């Protein structure tokens, strides 16, 4: 019997190292991608920092590396433009493959998803 693949939309609102939630969500996303599920990730609030280039955390697993890995495996990653602007964050600071967008995109991602996870 063929297993039905799912679409997951993951909303990351916590900063890169403020908690372990972004790391856990990226591990979940990577595992789901390896199982051939579709992954949408939307970075909102301080979660925009999860997509920042050249992260070098001193004592944590590098969420920037995990973000690169999920993008390479096919995740669709977007970031809230209003949240970026509020934090002085520009598109060129993002890891390649992350696109600035609007809440309309988040609504579309959630509407198409079988499951939505908010962290």
Protein backbone atom coordinates (compact mmCIF):
# COMPACT_ATOMS: atom_id res chain seq x y z
CA UNK A 1 0.00 0.00 0.00
CA UNK A 2 1.29 3.46 -0.93
CA UNK A 3 1.79 5.80 2.01
CA UNK A 4 0.01 9.15 1.68
CA UNK A 5 2.48 12.04 1.90
CA UNK A 6 1.51 15.14 3.86
CA UNK A 7 2.16 18.86 3.64
CA UNK A 8 3.39 20.52 6.82
CA UNK A 9 3.57 24.28 7.35
CA UNK A 10 5.93 25.27 10.15
CA UNK A 11 5.77 28.78 11.58
CA UNK A 12 8.93 29.73 13.47
CA UNK A 13 8.55 32.79 15.71
CA UNK A 14 11.34 32.26 18.27
CA UNK A 15 14.80 33.71 17.73
CA UNK A 16 17.56 31.41 16.56
CA UNK A 17 18.96 30.70 20.02
CA UNK A 18 16.29 32.06 22.39
CA UNK A 19 14.97 28.52 22.84
CA UNK A 20 15.43 25.09 21.29
CA UNK A 21 12.14 25.35 19.36
CA UNK A 22 13.65 26.52 16.04
CA UNK A 23 16.24 23.74 16.21
CA UNK A 24 13.56 21.15 16.97
CA UNK A 25 11.31 22.40 14.16
CA UNK A 26 14.18 22.28 11.66
CA UNK A 27 15.05 18.74 12.73
CA UNK A 28 11.39 17.79 12.28
CA UNK A 29 11.34 19.45 8.84
CA UNK A 30 14.51 17.67 7.74
CA UNK A 31 13.18 14.29 8.87
CA UNK A 32 9.84 14.89 7.13
CA UNK A 33 11.61 15.87 3.91
CA UNK A 34 13.66 12.67 4.01
CA UNK A 35 10.33 10.82 4.24
CA UNK A 36 9.21 12.78 1.13
CA UNK A 37 6.64 15.00 2.82
CA UNK A 38 6.27 18.61 1.63
CA UNK A 39 7.54 21.30 4.00
CA UNK A 40 6.67 25.00 4.07
CA UNK A 41 8.48 27.16 6.64
CA UNK A 42 7.43 30.73 7.46
CA UNK A 43 9.75 32.88 9.60
CA UNK A 44 7.87 35.46 11.64
CA UNK A 45 8.70 37.81 14.55
CA UNK A 46 12.20 37.01 15.93
CA UNK A 47 12.12 33.81 13.87
CA UNK A 48 13.52 35.82 10.95
CA UNK A 49 16.92 35.51 12.66
CA UNK A 50 16.80 31.73 12.17
CA UNK A 51 17.46 32.37 8.46
CA UNK A 52 20.46 34.66 8.97
CA UNK A 53 23.67 33.88 7.05
CA UNK A 54 26.99 33.11 8.73
CA UNK A 55 25.73 32.07 12.15
CA UNK A 56 28.47 30.98 14.54
CA UNK A 57 26.89 30.01 17.86
CA UNK A 58 29.37 29.32 20.64
CA UNK A 59 27.59 26.51 22.45
CA UNK A 60 24.51 25.54 20.43
CA UNK A 61 23.85 23.45 17.36
CA UNK A 62 23.94 25.82 14.37
CA UNK A 63 20.35 26.44 13.22
CA UNK A 64 21.71 28.20 10.12
CA UNK A 65 23.26 24.91 9.02
CA UNK A 66 19.95 23.13 9.64
CA UNK A 67 18.14 25.80 7.61
CA UNK A 68 20.54 25.29 4.69
CA UNK A 69 19.98 21.53 4.93
CA UNK A 70 16.17 21.78 4.80
CA UNK A 71 16.37 24.17 1.84
CA UNK A 72 18.69 21.76 0.03
CA UNK A 73 16.20 18.94 0.68
CA UNK A 74 13.41 21.00 -0.90
CA UNK A 75 11.72 23.03 1.84
CA UNK A 76 9.84 26.14 0.74
CA UNK A 77 11.05 28.89 3.11
CA UNK A 78 9.58 32.38 3.35
CA UNK A 79 9.98 35.27 5.80
CA UNK A 80 7.63 38.02 6.95
CA UNK A 81 8.68 41.32 5.36
CA UNK A 82 7.06 43.43 8.09
CA UNK A 83 8.94 41.46 10.76
CA UNK A 84 12.18 41.90 8.84
CA UNK A 85 11.68 45.65 8.53
CA UNK A 86 10.87 46.03 12.24
CA UNK A 87 14.19 44.34 13.07
CA UNK A 88 16.32 46.16 10.49
CA UNK A 89 16.84 42.89 8.63
CA UNK A 90 17.44 42.88 4.84
CA UNK A 91 17.00 40.18 2.18
CA UNK A 92 20.75 39.95 1.54
CA UNK A 93 21.30 38.84 5.15
CA UNK A 94 19.34 35.63 4.52
CA UNK A 95 20.66 32.21 3.67
CA UNK A 96 20.12 31.58 -0.06
CA UNK A 97 16.69 30.14 -0.75
CA UNK A 98 14.71 32.23 1.76
CA UNK A 99 12.32 34.77 0.27
CA UNK A 100 10.81 37.89 1.84
CA UNK A 101 7.02 37.87 1.53
CA UNK A 102 3.73 38.85 3.19
CA UNK A 103 1.11 37.35 5.47
CA UNK A 104 -0.89 36.46 2.35
CA UNK A 105 1.73 33.80 1.65
CA UNK A 106 1.41 32.44 5.18
CA UNK A 107 -2.36 32.15 4.72
CA UNK A 108 -1.79 30.22 1.47
CA UNK A 109 0.77 27.94 3.16
CA UNK A 110 -1.63 27.19 6.01
CA UNK A 111 -4.58 26.63 3.67
CA UNK A 112 -2.69 24.01 1.66
CA UNK A 113 -1.21 22.24 4.70
CA UNK A 114 -2.44 19.02 6.23
CA UNK A 115 -0.83 20.15 9.50
CA UNK A 116 0.37 23.52 10.80
CA UNK A 117 2.98 23.71 13.56
CA UNK A 118 3.71 26.97 15.40
CA UNK A 119 6.84 27.38 17.45
